[in-house]
């Protein structure tokens, strides 16, 4: 399962590569479970459907925006790609990461 979780995380990082800016206040959320199902890993869909990767954006996306307290992201892990996931997921995936340091307030972008 570690390899599949790693694959899902890497897939999200690759898809958003041109839009990512580490340390940005604006971000989008990507469902780990939904992405796993899209990649053909249905066994990861249900347990991770409500687990989200945080993708910091170079520019805000059009649409609704919601301000979120940065303390929401305590124990999040940041990958080299710039995306962040909850710490428990990062530990389970076994992929090398560093501590995610969010802004004091973050802005979730909904398209």
N, C-alpha and C. Protein backbone atom coordinates (compact mmCIF):
# COMPACT_ATOMS: atom_id res chain seq x y z
N UNK A 1 0.82 -1.19 0.00
CA UNK A 1 0.00 0.00 0.00
C UNK A 1 0.87 1.25 0.00
N UNK A 2 2.06 1.18 0.58
CA UNK A 2 2.95 2.33 0.61
C UNK A 2 3.25 2.84 -0.79
N UNK A 3 3.52 1.91 -1.72
CA UNK A 3 3.85 2.30 -3.08
C UNK A 3 2.67 2.97 -3.76
N UNK A 4 1.47 2.51 -3.46
CA UNK A 4 0.29 3.12 -4.07
C UNK A 4 0.04 4.51 -3.50
N UNK A 5 0.20 4.67 -2.20
CA UNK A 5 0.06 6.01 -1.61
C UNK A 5 1.13 6.95 -2.16
N UNK A 6 2.35 6.47 -2.28
CA UNK A 6 3.42 7.28 -2.87
C UNK A 6 3.04 7.70 -4.28
N UNK A 7 2.50 6.76 -5.04
CA UNK A 7 2.10 7.04 -6.42
C UNK A 7 1.01 8.10 -6.51
N UNK A 8 0.06 8.03 -5.60
CA UNK A 8 -1.02 9.02 -5.57
C UNK A 8 -0.44 10.41 -5.26
N UNK A 9 0.41 10.48 -4.26
CA UNK A 9 1.03 11.76 -3.87
C UNK A 9 1.87 12.32 -5.01
N UNK A 10 2.65 11.47 -5.65
CA UNK A 10 3.48 11.92 -6.77
C UNK A 10 2.62 12.38 -7.94
N UNK A 11 1.51 11.69 -8.18
CA UNK A 11 0.61 12.06 -9.27
C UNK A 11 0.04 13.46 -9.06
N UNK A 12 -0.36 13.77 -7.83
CA UNK A 12 -0.90 15.10 -7.53
C UNK A 12 0.18 16.16 -7.74
N UNK A 13 1.39 15.90 -7.26
CA UNK A 13 2.50 16.83 -7.43
C UNK A 13 2.82 17.07 -8.89
N UNK A 14 2.77 16.03 -9.70
CA UNK A 14 3.04 16.15 -11.13
C UNK A 14 1.95 16.94 -11.84
N UNK A 15 0.70 16.66 -11.51
CA UNK A 15 -0.41 17.35 -12.17
C UNK A 15 -0.37 18.86 -11.92
N UNK A 16 -0.06 19.26 -10.70
CA UNK A 16 -0.10 20.67 -10.33
C UNK A 16 1.26 21.36 -10.40
N UNK A 17 2.26 20.68 -10.93
CA UNK A 17 3.64 21.17 -10.92
C UNK A 17 3.77 22.63 -11.36
N UNK A 18 3.11 23.02 -12.44
CA UNK A 18 3.25 24.38 -12.96
C UNK A 18 2.48 25.42 -12.16
N UNK A 19 1.58 24.99 -11.27
CA UNK A 19 0.76 25.91 -10.48
C UNK A 19 1.26 26.07 -9.04
N UNK A 20 2.22 25.24 -8.63
CA UNK A 20 2.66 25.22 -7.22
C UNK A 20 3.66 26.33 -6.92
N UNK A 21 3.42 27.00 -5.78
CA UNK A 21 4.38 27.95 -5.23
C UNK A 21 4.48 27.66 -3.74
N UNK A 22 5.58 27.09 -3.32
CA UNK A 22 5.78 26.76 -1.91
C UNK A 22 5.65 28.02 -1.06
N UNK A 23 4.98 27.88 0.07
CA UNK A 23 4.82 29.00 0.98
C UNK A 23 3.68 29.94 0.64
N UNK A 24 2.92 29.62 -0.39
CA UNK A 24 1.81 30.47 -0.80
C UNK A 24 0.67 30.42 0.21
N UNK A 25 -0.08 31.49 0.29
CA UNK A 25 -1.26 31.55 1.16
C UNK A 25 -2.45 30.87 0.50
N UNK A 26 -2.55 30.94 -0.83
CA UNK A 26 -3.66 30.34 -1.57
C UNK A 26 -3.37 28.87 -1.85
N UNK A 27 -4.40 28.04 -1.73
CA UNK A 27 -4.22 26.61 -2.00
C UNK A 27 -5.53 25.98 -2.46
N UNK A 28 -5.40 24.80 -3.05
CA UNK A 28 -6.56 23.95 -3.35
C UNK A 28 -6.36 22.64 -2.62
N UNK A 29 -7.48 21.96 -2.38
CA UNK A 29 -7.43 20.64 -1.74
C UNK A 29 -7.74 19.58 -2.80
N UNK A 30 -7.02 18.48 -2.72
CA UNK A 30 -7.23 17.36 -3.62
C UNK A 30 -7.47 16.12 -2.77
N UNK A 31 -8.59 15.44 -2.99
CA UNK A 31 -8.92 14.24 -2.23
C UNK A 31 -7.97 13.10 -2.59
N UNK A 32 -7.31 12.57 -1.57
CA UNK A 32 -6.39 11.44 -1.78
C UNK A 32 -7.18 10.22 -2.24
N UNK A 33 -8.32 9.95 -1.60
CA UNK A 33 -9.13 8.79 -1.96
C UNK A 33 -9.68 8.87 -3.37
N UNK A 34 -10.19 10.03 -3.75
CA UNK A 34 -10.73 10.21 -5.10
C UNK A 34 -9.63 10.03 -6.14
N UNK A 35 -8.47 10.62 -5.88
CA UNK A 35 -7.35 10.48 -6.82
C UNK A 35 -6.89 9.03 -6.91
N UNK A 36 -6.87 8.33 -5.78
CA UNK A 36 -6.49 6.91 -5.79
C UNK A 36 -7.48 6.10 -6.64
N UNK A 37 -8.76 6.37 -6.48
CA UNK A 37 -9.77 5.67 -7.28
C UNK A 37 -9.58 5.96 -8.77
N UNK A 38 -9.29 7.22 -9.10
CA UNK A 38 -9.06 7.61 -10.49
C UNK A 38 -7.85 6.90 -11.08
N UNK A 39 -6.87 6.60 -10.23
CA UNK A 39 -5.65 5.91 -10.68
C UNK A 39 -5.78 4.39 -10.66
N UNK A 40 -6.95 3.90 -10.25
CA UNK A 40 -7.17 2.46 -10.25
C UNK A 40 -6.83 1.75 -8.96
N UNK A 41 -6.87 2.47 -7.84
CA UNK A 41 -6.62 1.88 -6.53
C UNK A 41 -7.89 2.01 -5.68
N UNK A 42 -8.94 1.25 -5.99
CA UNK A 42 -10.21 1.40 -5.29
C UNK A 42 -10.14 1.11 -3.79
N UNK A 43 -9.17 0.31 -3.37
CA UNK A 43 -9.05 -0.02 -1.95
C UNK A 43 -8.61 1.19 -1.11
N UNK A 44 -8.07 2.23 -1.76
CA UNK A 44 -7.67 3.44 -1.05
C UNK A 44 -8.75 4.51 -1.06
N UNK A 45 -9.77 4.30 -1.87
CA UNK A 45 -10.82 5.32 -2.02
C UNK A 45 -11.56 5.58 -0.71
N UNK A 46 -12.16 4.57 -0.14
CA UNK A 46 -12.97 4.76 1.05
C UNK A 46 -12.17 5.26 2.25
N UNK A 47 -11.03 4.64 2.58
CA UNK A 47 -10.31 5.11 3.77
C UNK A 47 -9.73 6.53 3.64
N UNK A 48 -9.48 7.00 2.42
CA UNK A 48 -8.83 8.30 2.24
C UNK A 48 -9.68 9.31 1.48
N UNK A 49 -10.96 9.04 1.30
CA UNK A 49 -11.85 9.96 0.55
C UNK A 49 -11.89 11.34 1.20
N UNK A 50 -11.86 11.41 2.51
CA UNK A 50 -11.94 12.69 3.22
C UNK A 50 -10.57 13.15 3.74
N UNK A 51 -9.51 12.64 3.12
CA UNK A 51 -8.15 13.07 3.43
C UNK A 51 -7.67 13.87 2.22
N UNK A 52 -7.16 15.07 2.48
CA UNK A 52 -6.84 15.97 1.38
C UNK A 52 -5.37 16.38 1.36
N UNK A 53 -4.84 16.46 0.13
CA UNK A 53 -3.53 17.06 -0.08
C UNK A 53 -3.74 18.56 -0.22
N UNK A 54 -2.83 19.34 0.31
CA UNK A 54 -2.85 20.79 0.19
C UNK A 54 -1.86 21.17 -0.92
N UNK A 55 -2.38 21.86 -1.94
CA UNK A 55 -1.54 22.27 -3.06
C UNK A 55 -1.44 23.80 -3.06
N UNK A 56 -0.30 24.35 -2.62
CA UNK A 56 -0.14 25.81 -2.58
C UNK A 56 -0.03 26.37 -4.00
N UNK A 57 -0.80 27.42 -4.26
CA UNK A 57 -0.93 27.95 -5.62
C UNK A 57 -0.08 29.19 -5.88
N UNK A 58 0.48 29.22 -7.06
CA UNK A 58 1.24 30.40 -7.52
C UNK A 58 0.31 31.61 -7.63
N UNK A 59 -0.91 31.39 -8.14
CA UNK A 59 -1.91 32.44 -8.29
C UNK A 59 -3.25 31.93 -7.80
N UNK A 60 -4.10 32.80 -7.25
CA UNK A 60 -5.43 32.36 -6.83
C UNK A 60 -6.24 31.84 -8.02
N UNK A 61 -7.06 30.84 -7.75
CA UNK A 61 -7.96 30.28 -8.76
C UNK A 61 -9.25 31.11 -8.77
N UNK A 62 -9.93 31.18 -9.92
CA UNK A 62 -11.23 31.85 -9.91
C UNK A 62 -12.23 31.03 -9.10
N UNK A 63 -13.18 31.69 -8.50
CA UNK A 63 -14.21 30.99 -7.73
C UNK A 63 -14.19 31.39 -6.26
N UNK A 64 -14.94 30.64 -5.47
CA UNK A 64 -15.09 30.93 -4.06
C UNK A 64 -13.79 30.71 -3.29
N UNK A 65 -13.59 31.55 -2.28
CA UNK A 65 -12.40 31.44 -1.43
C UNK A 65 -12.82 31.49 0.03
N UNK A 66 -12.15 30.69 0.86
CA UNK A 66 -12.45 30.64 2.28
C UNK A 66 -11.14 30.77 3.06
N UNK A 67 -11.12 31.69 4.02
CA UNK A 67 -9.93 31.89 4.85
C UNK A 67 -9.90 30.80 5.93
N UNK A 68 -8.74 30.17 6.09
CA UNK A 68 -8.55 29.07 7.04
C UNK A 68 -7.37 29.42 7.96
N UNK A 69 -7.54 29.17 9.24
CA UNK A 69 -6.46 29.39 10.20
C UNK A 69 -5.32 28.43 9.89
N UNK A 70 -4.12 28.95 9.79
CA UNK A 70 -2.96 28.13 9.46
C UNK A 70 -2.68 27.02 10.46
N UNK A 71 -3.19 27.20 11.71
CA UNK A 71 -2.98 26.15 12.72
C UNK A 71 -3.74 24.87 12.39
N UNK A 72 -4.62 24.95 11.41
CA UNK A 72 -5.35 23.76 10.95
C UNK A 72 -4.37 22.71 10.43
N UNK A 73 -3.22 23.16 9.96
CA UNK A 73 -2.26 22.26 9.31
C UNK A 73 -1.13 21.79 10.22
N UNK A 74 -1.44 21.65 11.50
CA UNK A 74 -0.48 21.10 12.45
C UNK A 74 -0.24 19.64 12.07
N UNK A 75 0.98 19.20 12.14
CA UNK A 75 1.38 17.83 11.79
C UNK A 75 1.08 17.50 10.32
N UNK A 76 1.36 18.45 9.43
CA UNK A 76 1.31 18.18 8.00
C UNK A 76 2.73 18.05 7.49
N UNK A 77 2.89 17.23 6.47
CA UNK A 77 4.19 16.98 5.87
C UNK A 77 4.24 17.61 4.49
N UNK A 78 5.37 18.21 4.15
CA UNK A 78 5.54 18.83 2.84
C UNK A 78 6.54 18.01 2.03
N UNK A 79 6.21 17.77 0.78
CA UNK A 79 7.08 17.03 -0.12
C UNK A 79 7.88 17.98 -0.99
N UNK A 80 8.89 17.45 -1.63
CA UNK A 80 9.74 18.23 -2.51
C UNK A 80 8.92 18.94 -3.60
N UNK A 81 7.84 18.32 -4.03
CA UNK A 81 6.98 18.91 -5.06
C UNK A 81 6.29 20.18 -4.57
N UNK A 82 6.17 20.34 -3.23
CA UNK A 82 5.51 21.50 -2.66
C UNK A 82 4.15 21.19 -2.06
N UNK A 83 3.58 20.02 -2.38
CA UNK A 83 2.28 19.68 -1.81
C UNK A 83 2.47 19.19 -0.37
N UNK A 84 1.39 19.29 0.40
CA UNK A 84 1.45 18.86 1.80
C UNK A 84 0.29 17.90 2.07
N UNK A 85 0.53 16.94 2.95
CA UNK A 85 -0.49 15.97 3.34
C UNK A 85 -0.44 15.81 4.86
N UNK A 86 -1.51 15.30 5.47
CA UNK A 86 -1.47 15.04 6.91
C UNK A 86 -0.29 14.13 7.27
N UNK A 87 0.29 14.37 8.44
CA UNK A 87 1.47 13.63 8.87
C UNK A 87 1.26 12.13 8.92
N UNK A 88 0.09 11.67 9.39
CA UNK A 88 -0.14 10.23 9.47
C UNK A 88 -0.09 9.58 8.09
N UNK A 89 -0.57 10.29 7.06
CA UNK A 89 -0.54 9.76 5.71
C UNK A 89 0.89 9.71 5.18
N UNK A 90 1.65 10.76 5.47
CA UNK A 90 3.05 10.81 5.04
C UNK A 90 3.85 9.68 5.67
N UNK A 91 3.61 9.43 6.95
CA UNK A 91 4.33 8.34 7.62
C UNK A 91 3.94 6.99 7.03
N UNK A 92 2.68 6.83 6.71
CA UNK A 92 2.19 5.59 6.11
C UNK A 92 2.77 5.37 4.71
N UNK A 93 2.89 6.45 3.95
CA UNK A 93 3.42 6.36 2.59
C UNK A 93 4.91 6.06 2.59
N UNK A 94 5.63 6.52 3.63
CA UNK A 94 7.05 6.23 3.72
C UNK A 94 7.91 7.04 2.76
N UNK A 95 7.37 8.08 2.21
CA UNK A 95 8.11 8.94 1.27
C UNK A 95 8.75 10.08 2.06
N UNK A 96 9.98 10.44 1.73
CA UNK A 96 10.71 11.47 2.47
C UNK A 96 9.99 12.82 2.40
N UNK A 97 9.92 13.50 3.54
CA UNK A 97 9.21 14.78 3.62
C UNK A 97 9.85 15.66 4.68
N UNK A 98 9.42 16.93 4.69
CA UNK A 98 9.82 17.86 5.74
C UNK A 98 8.55 18.41 6.39
N UNK A 99 8.68 19.15 7.45
CA UNK A 99 7.52 19.71 8.14
C UNK A 99 6.92 20.84 7.31
N UNK A 100 5.61 20.82 7.13
CA UNK A 100 4.90 21.87 6.40
C UNK A 100 4.73 23.07 7.32
N UNK A 101 5.15 24.24 6.84
CA UNK A 101 5.01 25.47 7.62
C UNK A 101 4.03 26.38 6.86
N UNK A 102 2.77 26.41 7.31
CA UNK A 102 1.77 27.22 6.63
C UNK A 102 1.86 28.70 7.03
N UNK A 103 1.18 29.54 6.28
CA UNK A 103 1.01 30.95 6.65
C UNK A 103 0.10 31.00 7.88
N UNK A 104 0.06 32.13 8.59
CA UNK A 104 -0.84 32.28 9.73
C UNK A 104 -2.29 32.09 9.32
N UNK A 105 -2.64 32.61 8.17
CA UNK A 105 -3.97 32.35 7.62
C UNK A 105 -3.78 31.93 6.17
N UNK A 106 -4.55 30.95 5.79
CA UNK A 106 -4.46 30.38 4.43
C UNK A 106 -5.80 30.63 3.74
N UNK A 107 -5.80 30.58 2.42
CA UNK A 107 -7.02 30.82 1.66
C UNK A 107 -7.27 29.62 0.74
N UNK A 108 -8.32 28.86 1.07
CA UNK A 108 -8.69 27.70 0.28
C UNK A 108 -9.48 28.19 -0.94
N UNK A 109 -9.06 27.77 -2.12
CA UNK A 109 -9.70 28.16 -3.37
C UNK A 109 -10.58 27.01 -3.85
N UNK A 110 -11.83 27.30 -4.13
CA UNK A 110 -12.77 26.32 -4.67
C UNK A 110 -13.15 26.74 -6.08
N UNK A 111 -12.95 25.87 -7.03
CA UNK A 111 -13.29 26.20 -8.41
C UNK A 111 -14.69 25.77 -8.76
